[in-house]
């Protein structure tokens, strides 16, 4: 049965494994290389996720099937200029063979509960322009676009 729970320090090696799979999947998609260099947690990933677990304004969850970790999600509470708070999902990944059975939904719901308890006025998440599956997943969970980031490459190969 699928479920989710808060991640623990002992989950970090599996989270790193899943984070590397996420990067491998995302990097070839338009904008994925810049996502990995700008939005994704920096390497070394084991230290980044262990630090993330220890922070008060962050939440790391793992998605499970029969207690086996098949996905992970991470988010943080950000303070806005007006003093309100915004939840930001920075990572959400489920192994391909475990998708579309509720693991991602369990993790998103747990992250939404965390953000709600933290008093957030809303929650943002990333979906790259060519990753229709991610966009559809978030739209199915009542997320809507609130802006579009446009980008122009410079230098060689532009």
C-alpha atoms as a PDB file:
ATOM      1  CA  UNK A   1       0.000   0.000   0.000  1.00  0.00           C
ATOM      2  CA  UNK A   2       1.262   3.486  -0.865  1.00  0.00           C
ATOM      3  CA  UNK A   3       1.968   6.082   1.762  1.00  0.00           C
ATOM      4  CA  UNK A   4       4.369   8.797   2.817  1.00  0.00           C
ATOM      5  CA  UNK A   5       6.193   9.864   5.941  1.00  0.00           C
ATOM      6  CA  UNK A   6       8.692  12.468   7.076  1.00  0.00           C
ATOM      7  CA  UNK A   7      12.169  11.487   6.013  1.00  0.00           C
ATOM      8  CA  UNK A   8      14.788  10.541   8.579  1.00  0.00           C
ATOM      9  CA  UNK A   9      18.582  10.769   8.500  1.00  0.00           C
ATOM     10  CA  UNK A  10      18.719   7.065   7.630  1.00  0.00           C
ATOM     11  CA  UNK A  11      16.775   7.817   4.427  1.00  0.00           C
ATOM     12  CA  UNK A  12      19.421  10.198   3.066  1.00  0.00           C
ATOM     13  CA  UNK A  13      21.307   7.595   0.964  1.00  0.00           C
ATOM     14  CA  UNK A  14      18.054   6.548  -0.755  1.00  0.00           C
ATOM     15  CA  UNK A  15      17.011  10.197  -1.202  1.00  0.00           C
ATOM     16  CA  UNK A  16      20.364  10.924  -2.864  1.00  0.00           C
ATOM     17  CA  UNK A  17      19.857   7.949  -5.191  1.00  0.00           C
ATOM     18  CA  UNK A  18      16.410   9.263  -6.136  1.00  0.00           C
ATOM     19  CA  UNK A  19      17.685  12.853  -6.479  1.00  0.00           C
ATOM     20  CA  UNK A  20      20.308  11.657  -8.964  1.00  0.00           C
ATOM     21  CA  UNK A  21      17.600   9.849 -10.939  1.00  0.00           C
ATOM     22  CA  UNK A  22      15.538  13.063 -10.887  1.00  0.00           C
ATOM     23  CA  UNK A  23      18.474  15.019 -12.286  1.00  0.00           C
ATOM     24  CA  UNK A  24      19.075  12.408 -14.992  1.00  0.00           C
ATOM     25  CA  UNK A  25      15.429  12.662 -16.023  1.00  0.00           C
ATOM     26  CA  UNK A  26      15.220  16.456 -15.906  1.00  0.00           C
ATOM     27  CA  UNK A  27      18.551  17.590 -17.385  1.00  0.00           C
ATOM     28  CA  UNK A  28      17.740  16.632 -21.021  1.00  0.00           C
ATOM     29  CA  UNK A  29      14.436  18.550 -20.929  1.00  0.00           C
ATOM     30  CA  UNK A  30      14.435  22.184 -22.031  1.00  0.00           C
ATOM     31  CA  UNK A  31      15.543  24.209 -19.000  1.00  0.00           C
ATOM     32  CA  UNK A  32      16.625  21.131 -17.065  1.00  0.00           C
ATOM     33  CA  UNK A  33      20.318  21.913 -17.105  1.00  0.00           C
ATOM     34  CA  UNK A  34      19.708  25.350 -15.583  1.00  0.00           C
ATOM     35  CA  UNK A  35      17.252  23.879 -13.067  1.00  0.00           C
ATOM     36  CA  UNK A  36      19.996  21.494 -11.926  1.00  0.00           C
ATOM     37  CA  UNK A  37      22.523  24.331 -11.685  1.00  0.00           C
ATOM     38  CA  UNK A  38      20.198  26.894 -10.059  1.00  0.00           C
ATOM     39  CA  UNK A  39      17.134  25.459  -8.291  1.00  0.00           C
ATOM     40  CA  UNK A  40      18.247  21.967  -7.285  1.00  0.00           C
ATOM     41  CA  UNK A  41      20.074  21.449  -4.005  1.00  0.00           C
ATOM     42  CA  UNK A  42      23.852  21.581  -4.505  1.00  0.00           C
ATOM     43  CA  UNK A  43      26.276  18.704  -4.309  1.00  0.00           C
ATOM     44  CA  UNK A  44      27.413  16.933  -2.273  1.00  0.00           C
ATOM     45  CA  UNK A  45      23.810  15.788  -2.104  1.00  0.00           C
ATOM     46  CA  UNK A  46      24.187  13.688   1.030  1.00  0.00           C
ATOM     47  CA  UNK A  47      25.241  16.778   2.978  1.00  0.00           C
ATOM     48  CA  UNK A  48      22.612  19.026   1.328  1.00  0.00           C
ATOM     49  CA  UNK A  49      19.719  16.687   2.158  1.00  0.00           C
ATOM     50  CA  UNK A  50      21.012  15.975   5.682  1.00  0.00           C
ATOM     51  CA  UNK A  51      21.204  19.747   6.270  1.00  0.00           C
ATOM     52  CA  UNK A  52      17.749  20.186   4.786  1.00  0.00           C
ATOM     53  CA  UNK A  53      16.336  17.567   7.170  1.00  0.00           C
ATOM     54  CA  UNK A  54      17.702  19.492  10.146  1.00  0.00           C
ATOM     55  CA  UNK A  55      16.175  22.882   9.295  1.00  0.00           C
ATOM     56  CA  UNK A  56      12.993  24.061  10.978  1.00  0.00           C
ATOM     57  CA  UNK A  57      11.480  25.647   7.858  1.00  0.00           C
ATOM     58  CA  UNK A  58      12.000  22.677   5.575  1.00  0.00           C
ATOM     59  CA  UNK A  59      10.248  19.370   5.094  1.00  0.00           C
ATOM     60  CA  UNK A  60      11.542  16.238   3.407  1.00  0.00           C
ATOM     61  CA  UNK A  61       9.166  13.350   2.861  1.00  0.00           C
ATOM     62  CA  UNK A  62       9.528   9.907   1.355  1.00  0.00           C
ATOM     63  CA  UNK A  63       6.847   8.100  -0.589  1.00  0.00           C
ATOM     64  CA  UNK A  64       6.502   4.403   0.045  1.00  0.00           C
ATOM     65  CA  UNK A  65       4.926   1.267  -1.286  1.00  0.00           C
ATOM     66  CA  UNK A  66       4.722  -1.382   1.428  1.00  0.00           C
ATOM     67  CA  UNK A  67       7.338   0.590   3.423  1.00  0.00           C
ATOM     68  CA  UNK A  68       9.828   0.592   0.500  1.00  0.00           C
ATOM     69  CA  UNK A  69      10.918   4.140  -0.397  1.00  0.00           C
ATOM     70  CA  UNK A  70       9.933   4.795  -4.020  1.00  0.00           C
ATOM     71  CA  UNK A  71      10.007   8.588  -4.084  1.00  0.00           C
ATOM     72  CA  UNK A  72      10.831  11.736  -2.180  1.00  0.00           C
ATOM     73  CA  UNK A  73       9.749  15.324  -1.926  1.00  0.00           C
ATOM     74  CA  UNK A  74      11.312  18.369  -0.339  1.00  0.00           C
ATOM     75  CA  UNK A  75      10.040  21.839   0.358  1.00  0.00           C
ATOM     76  CA  UNK A  76      10.818  24.957   2.279  1.00  0.00           C
ATOM     77  CA  UNK A  77       8.974  27.870   3.808  1.00  0.00           C
ATOM     78  CA  UNK A  78      10.162  31.205   2.437  1.00  0.00           C
ATOM     79  CA  UNK A  79       9.513  34.559   4.066  1.00  0.00           C
ATOM     80  CA  UNK A  80       8.053  37.109   1.652  1.00  0.00           C
ATOM     81  CA  UNK A  81       8.735  40.857   1.651  1.00  0.00           C
ATOM     82  CA  UNK A  82       5.391  41.600   3.287  1.00  0.00           C
ATOM     83  CA  UNK A  83       6.051  39.149   6.136  1.00  0.00           C
ATOM     84  CA  UNK A  84       3.780  36.410   4.810  1.00  0.00           C
ATOM     85  CA  UNK A  85       5.098  32.947   4.025  1.00  0.00           C
ATOM     86  CA  UNK A  86       5.223  30.932   0.824  1.00  0.00           C
ATOM     87  CA  UNK A  87       5.749  27.182   0.617  1.00  0.00           C
ATOM     88  CA  UNK A  88       8.038  26.041  -2.194  1.00  0.00           C
ATOM     89  CA  UNK A  89       8.286  22.436  -3.329  1.00  0.00           C
ATOM     90  CA  UNK A  90      11.855  22.119  -4.565  1.00  0.00           C
ATOM     91  CA  UNK A  91      11.899  18.388  -5.292  1.00  0.00           C
ATOM     92  CA  UNK A  92       9.259  15.809  -6.063  1.00  0.00           C
ATOM     93  CA  UNK A  93      10.180  12.513  -7.655  1.00  0.00           C
ATOM     94  CA  UNK A  94       8.697   9.038  -7.885  1.00  0.00           C
ATOM     95  CA  UNK A  95      10.454   6.136  -9.580  1.00  0.00           C
ATOM     96  CA  UNK A  96       8.895   5.558 -13.016  1.00  0.00           C
ATOM     97  CA  UNK A  97       7.555   2.098 -12.137  1.00  0.00           C
ATOM     98  CA  UNK A  98       5.726   3.505  -9.097  1.00  0.00           C
ATOM     99  CA  UNK A  99       4.013   6.455 -10.775  1.00  0.00           C
ATOM    100  CA  UNK A 100       0.274   6.971 -11.170  1.00  0.00           C
ATOM    101  CA  UNK A 101      -0.669   4.863  -8.148  1.00  0.00           C
ATOM    102  CA  UNK A 102      -0.804   7.563  -5.479  1.00  0.00           C
ATOM    103  CA  UNK A 103       2.756   7.838  -4.123  1.00  0.00           C
ATOM    104  CA  UNK A 104       3.242  11.382  -5.458  1.00  0.00           C
ATOM    105  CA  UNK A 105      -0.173  12.428  -4.209  1.00  0.00           C
ATOM    106  CA  UNK A 106       0.618  11.153  -0.710  1.00  0.00           C
ATOM    107  CA  UNK A 107       3.847  13.171  -0.647  1.00  0.00           C
ATOM    108  CA  UNK A 108       2.239  16.360  -1.993  1.00  0.00           C
ATOM    109  CA  UNK A 109      -0.523  16.119   0.589  1.00  0.00           C
ATOM    110  CA  UNK A 110       2.023  15.746   3.380  1.00  0.00           C
ATOM    111  CA  UNK A 111       3.982  18.753   2.081  1.00  0.00           C
ATOM    112  CA  UNK A 112       0.749  20.782   1.813  1.00  0.00           C
ATOM    113  CA  UNK A 113      -0.071  19.894   5.429  1.00  0.00           C
ATOM    114  CA  UNK A 114       3.410  21.078   6.481  1.00  0.00           C
ATOM    115  CA  UNK A 115       3.012  24.366   4.591  1.00  0.00           C
ATOM    116  CA  UNK A 116      -0.492  24.887   5.970  1.00  0.00           C
ATOM    117  CA  UNK A 117       0.723  24.348   9.533  1.00  0.00           C
ATOM    118  CA  UNK A 118       3.529  26.867   8.866  1.00  0.00           C
ATOM    119  CA  UNK A 119       0.964  29.518   7.913  1.00  0.00           C
ATOM    120  CA  UNK A 120       1.886  29.721   4.232  1.00  0.00           C
ATOM    121  CA  UNK A 121      -0.380  31.761   1.961  1.00  0.00           C
ATOM    122  CA  UNK A 122       0.295  29.434  -0.973  1.00  0.00           C
ATOM    123  CA  UNK A 123       2.650  26.858  -2.441  1.00  0.00           C
ATOM    124  CA  UNK A 124       4.845  27.053  -5.544  1.00  0.00           C
ATOM    125  CA  UNK A 125       6.381  24.141  -7.446  1.00  0.00           C
ATOM    126  CA  UNK A 126       8.500  23.802 -10.584  1.00  0.00           C
ATOM    127  CA  UNK A 127       7.419  22.182 -13.832  1.00  0.00           C
ATOM    128  CA  UNK A 128       9.735  22.486 -16.810  1.00  0.00           C
ATOM    129  CA  UNK A 129       8.138  23.502 -20.137  1.00  0.00           C
ATOM    130  CA  UNK A 130       8.720  20.138 -21.806  1.00  0.00           C
ATOM    131  CA  UNK A 131       7.739  17.955 -18.858  1.00  0.00           C
ATOM    132  CA  UNK A 132       4.007  17.592 -19.511  1.00  0.00           C
ATOM    133  CA  UNK A 133       3.608  14.763 -16.954  1.00  0.00           C
ATOM    134  CA  UNK A 134       4.788  17.035 -14.111  1.00  0.00           C
ATOM    135  CA  UNK A 135       2.603  19.921 -15.258  1.00  0.00           C
ATOM    136  CA  UNK A 136      -0.436  17.636 -15.459  1.00  0.00           C
ATOM    137  CA  UNK A 137       0.296  16.155 -12.026  1.00  0.00           C
ATOM    138  CA  UNK A 138       0.363  19.558 -10.361  1.00  0.00           C
ATOM    139  CA  UNK A 139      -2.708  20.785 -12.253  1.00  0.00           C
ATOM    140  CA  UNK A 140      -4.571  17.649 -11.105  1.00  0.00           C
ATOM    141  CA  UNK A 141      -3.769  18.786  -7.538  1.00  0.00           C
ATOM    142  CA  UNK A 142      -5.165  22.318  -8.001  1.00  0.00           C
ATOM    143  CA  UNK A 143      -1.871  24.070  -8.800  1.00  0.00           C
ATOM    144  CA  UNK A 144      -2.120  26.754 -11.489  1.00  0.00           C
ATOM    145  CA  UNK A 145       0.533  28.774 -13.297  1.00  0.00           C
ATOM    146  CA  UNK A 146       1.135  32.148 -11.694  1.00  0.00           C
ATOM    147  CA  UNK A 147       3.991  33.212 -13.962  1.00  0.00           C
ATOM    148  CA  UNK A 148       6.260  32.058 -16.726  1.00  0.00           C
ATOM    149  CA  UNK A 149      10.042  32.310 -16.582  1.00  0.00           C
ATOM    150  CA  UNK A 150      11.538  33.113 -19.969  1.00  0.00           C
ATOM    151  CA  UNK A 151      15.210  32.626 -20.728  1.00  0.00           C
ATOM    152  CA  UNK A 152      17.709  33.379 -23.470  1.00  0.00           C
ATOM    153  CA  UNK A 153      21.041  31.615 -23.677  1.00  0.00           C
ATOM    154  CA  UNK A 154      24.192  33.628 -24.319  1.00  0.00           C
ATOM    155  CA  UNK A 155      27.633  32.623 -25.483  1.00  0.00           C
ATOM    156  CA  UNK A 156      28.751  29.629 -27.559  1.00  0.00           C
ATOM    157  CA  UNK A 157      25.933  27.506 -28.900  1.00  0.00           C
ATOM    158  CA  UNK A 158      23.305  30.195 -28.242  1.00  0.00           C
END
